[in-house]
Structures are given as structure tokens and as C-alpha cells.
Amino acid sequence: MRKTLQDVAKYLREIMVPGTQEAYAINPIYTETLPEENIRKGVLVFRSFLVRLYDVLYEKGAIYDNSRKVAHEYENISR
């Protein structure tokens, strides 16, 4: 069975690790240019963006899913 864009968005949303950003240490190379607090806020904002993107793709994925609707000749082969 071919996966749709909605299936992929749902899967990616489900596998997102819950808010554990405080559990990870930030490489000191990055804290030379930005304070650690700003980096962590940026990660939170990016995660929020991804969640929103996955939600929109799940809701309206059929509109953007332009893959061919015919089955590929090797798609339904039993193994």
C-alpha cells in the first residue's frame, strides 16, 4: 500500500520526542555565538513549527499529494 502525505505527516508527528530539550547538552561551540537560553528558545520555536506543519499536512495533505494514483507494478508483490 502506498503511503500518502497524510500518513507520513501523522507518523512524523507521532515520533517527535516530547519536550526533553533541557535533557540535552549544547555543544560549547554554539554557545560562543549565542547564549544557551536563545538556542533552547530557537529549538522550541522550530519544534512548534514542525508540529504545526505536520498538523496542516495531515488536515490538507490530500490537496498537496500529487503522486500518481495508479499502483506501481512492483508495489503489491507478496514477499
C-alpha atoms as a PDB file:
ATOM      1  CA  MET A   1       0.000   0.000   0.000  1.00  0.00           C
ATOM      2  CA  ARG A   2       1.340   3.395  -0.958  1.00  0.00           C
ATOM      3  CA  LYS A   3       1.802   5.896   1.852  1.00  0.00           C
ATOM      4  CA  THR A   4       0.108   9.240   1.398  1.00  0.00           C
ATOM      5  CA  LEU A   5       1.387  12.593   2.534  1.00  0.00           C
ATOM      6  CA  GLN A   6      -1.128  12.454   5.384  1.00  0.00           C
ATOM      7  CA  ASP A   7       0.269   9.108   6.530  1.00  0.00           C
ATOM      8  CA  VAL A   8       3.800  10.479   6.587  1.00  0.00           C
ATOM      9  CA  ALA A   9       2.762  13.640   8.448  1.00  0.00           C
ATOM     10  CA  LYS A  10       0.905  11.579  11.048  1.00  0.00           C
ATOM     11  CA  TYR A  11       3.898   9.280  11.513  1.00  0.00           C
ATOM     12  CA  LEU A  12       6.376  12.135  11.897  1.00  0.00           C
ATOM     13  CA  ARG A  13       4.080  13.856  14.400  1.00  0.00           C
ATOM     14  CA  GLU A  14       3.836  10.650  16.435  1.00  0.00           C
ATOM     15  CA  ILE A  15       7.585  10.029  16.609  1.00  0.00           C
ATOM     16  CA  MET A  16       8.511  13.510  17.765  1.00  0.00           C
ATOM     17  CA  VAL A  17      10.240  13.215  21.100  1.00  0.00           C
ATOM     18  CA  PRO A  18       8.301  15.018  23.824  1.00  0.00           C
ATOM     19  CA  GLY A  19       9.763  18.241  25.191  1.00  0.00           C
ATOM     20  CA  THR A  20      13.073  16.966  26.508  1.00  0.00           C
ATOM     21  CA  GLN A  21      15.261  19.766  25.214  1.00  0.00           C
ATOM     22  CA  GLU A  22      16.599  20.512  28.711  1.00  0.00           C
ATOM     23  CA  ALA A  23      17.990  16.979  28.915  1.00  0.00           C
ATOM     24  CA  TYR A  24      20.435  17.599  26.071  1.00  0.00           C
ATOM     25  CA  ALA A  25      23.678  19.470  26.446  1.00  0.00           C
ATOM     26  CA  ILE A  26      24.537  22.095  23.872  1.00  0.00           C
ATOM     27  CA  ASN A  27      27.936  21.931  22.229  1.00  0.00           C
ATOM     28  CA  PRO A  28      30.095  24.798  23.563  1.00  0.00           C
ATOM     29  CA  ILE A  29      30.998  25.784  20.002  1.00  0.00           C
ATOM     30  CA  TYR A  30      27.435  27.090  19.541  1.00  0.00           C
ATOM     31  CA  THR A  31      27.285  28.918  22.862  1.00  0.00           C
ATOM     32  CA  GLU A  32      30.218  31.099  21.797  1.00  0.00           C
ATOM     33  CA  THR A  33      27.952  32.961  19.385  1.00  0.00           C
ATOM     34  CA  LEU A  34      24.579  32.723  21.150  1.00  0.00           C
ATOM     35  CA  PRO A  35      23.562  32.312  24.764  1.00  0.00           C
ATOM     36  CA  GLU A  36      22.282  28.857  25.650  1.00  0.00           C
ATOM     37  CA  GLU A  37      18.869  30.284  26.517  1.00  0.00           C
ATOM     38  CA  ASN A  38      18.432  31.685  22.993  1.00  0.00           C
ATOM     39  CA  ILE A  39      19.447  28.389  21.426  1.00  0.00           C
ATOM     40  CA  ARG A  40      16.909  26.491  23.527  1.00  0.00           C
ATOM     41  CA  LYS A  41      14.179  29.004  22.641  1.00  0.00           C
ATOM     42  CA  GLY A  42      15.041  28.566  18.969  1.00  0.00           C
ATOM     43  CA  VAL A  43      14.717  24.801  19.288  1.00  0.00           C
ATOM     44  CA  LEU A  44      11.296  25.210  20.920  1.00  0.00           C
ATOM     45  CA  VAL A  45      10.116  27.526  18.149  1.00  0.00           C
ATOM     46  CA  PHE A  46      11.372  25.134  15.473  1.00  0.00           C
ATOM     47  CA  ARG A  47       9.605  22.205  17.153  1.00  0.00           C
ATOM     48  CA  SER A  48       6.400  24.247  17.264  1.00  0.00           C
ATOM     49  CA  PHE A  49       6.802  24.975  13.563  1.00  0.00           C
ATOM     50  CA  LEU A  50       7.214  21.276  12.786  1.00  0.00           C
ATOM     51  CA  VAL A  51       4.146  20.339  14.827  1.00  0.00           C
ATOM     52  CA  ARG A  52       2.075  22.940  13.006  1.00  0.00           C
ATOM     53  CA  LEU A  53       3.432  21.809   9.633  1.00  0.00           C
ATOM     54  CA  TYR A  54       2.591  18.171  10.356  1.00  0.00           C
ATOM     55  CA  ASP A  55      -0.899  19.136  11.518  1.00  0.00           C
ATOM     56  CA  VAL A  56      -1.590  21.145   8.368  1.00  0.00           C
ATOM     57  CA  LEU A  57      -0.237  18.392   6.134  1.00  0.00           C
ATOM     58  CA  TYR A  58      -2.393  15.870   7.952  1.00  0.00           C
ATOM     59  CA  GLU A  59      -5.509  18.014   7.561  1.00  0.00           C
ATOM     60  CA  LYS A  60      -4.926  19.160   3.977  1.00  0.00           C
ATOM     61  CA  GLY A  61      -2.431  16.605   2.717  1.00  0.00           C
ATOM     62  CA  ALA A  62      -4.714  15.286   0.012  1.00  0.00           C
ATOM     63  CA  ILE A  63      -4.519  18.667  -1.732  1.00  0.00           C
ATOM     64  CA  TYR A  64      -0.709  18.594  -1.877  1.00  0.00           C
ATOM     65  CA  ASP A  65      -0.267  14.882  -2.502  1.00  0.00           C
ATOM     66  CA  ASN A  66       0.268  14.834  -6.235  1.00  0.00           C
ATOM     67  CA  SER A  67       1.678  11.333  -6.513  1.00  0.00           C
ATOM     68  CA  ARG A  68       0.254   9.100  -9.192  1.00  0.00           C
ATOM     69  CA  LYS A  69      -2.842   7.298  -8.014  1.00  0.00           C
ATOM     70  CA  VAL A  70      -2.144   4.168 -10.040  1.00  0.00           C
ATOM     71  CA  ALA A  71      -0.322   1.335  -8.340  1.00  0.00           C
ATOM     72  CA  HIS A  72       3.266   0.691  -9.293  1.00  0.00           C
ATOM     73  CA  GLU A  73       3.786  -2.686 -10.952  1.00  0.00           C
ATOM     74  CA  TYR A  74       6.003  -3.899  -8.081  1.00  0.00           C
ATOM     75  CA  GLU A  75       4.034  -2.323  -5.250  1.00  0.00           C
ATOM     76  CA  ASN A  76       1.742  -5.211  -4.319  1.00  0.00           C
ATOM     77  CA  ILE A  77       4.166  -8.100  -4.644  1.00  0.00           C
ATOM     78  CA  SER A  78       3.871 -10.634  -1.824  1.00  0.00           C
ATOM     79  CA  ARG A  79       7.152 -11.470  -0.155  1.00  0.00           C
END
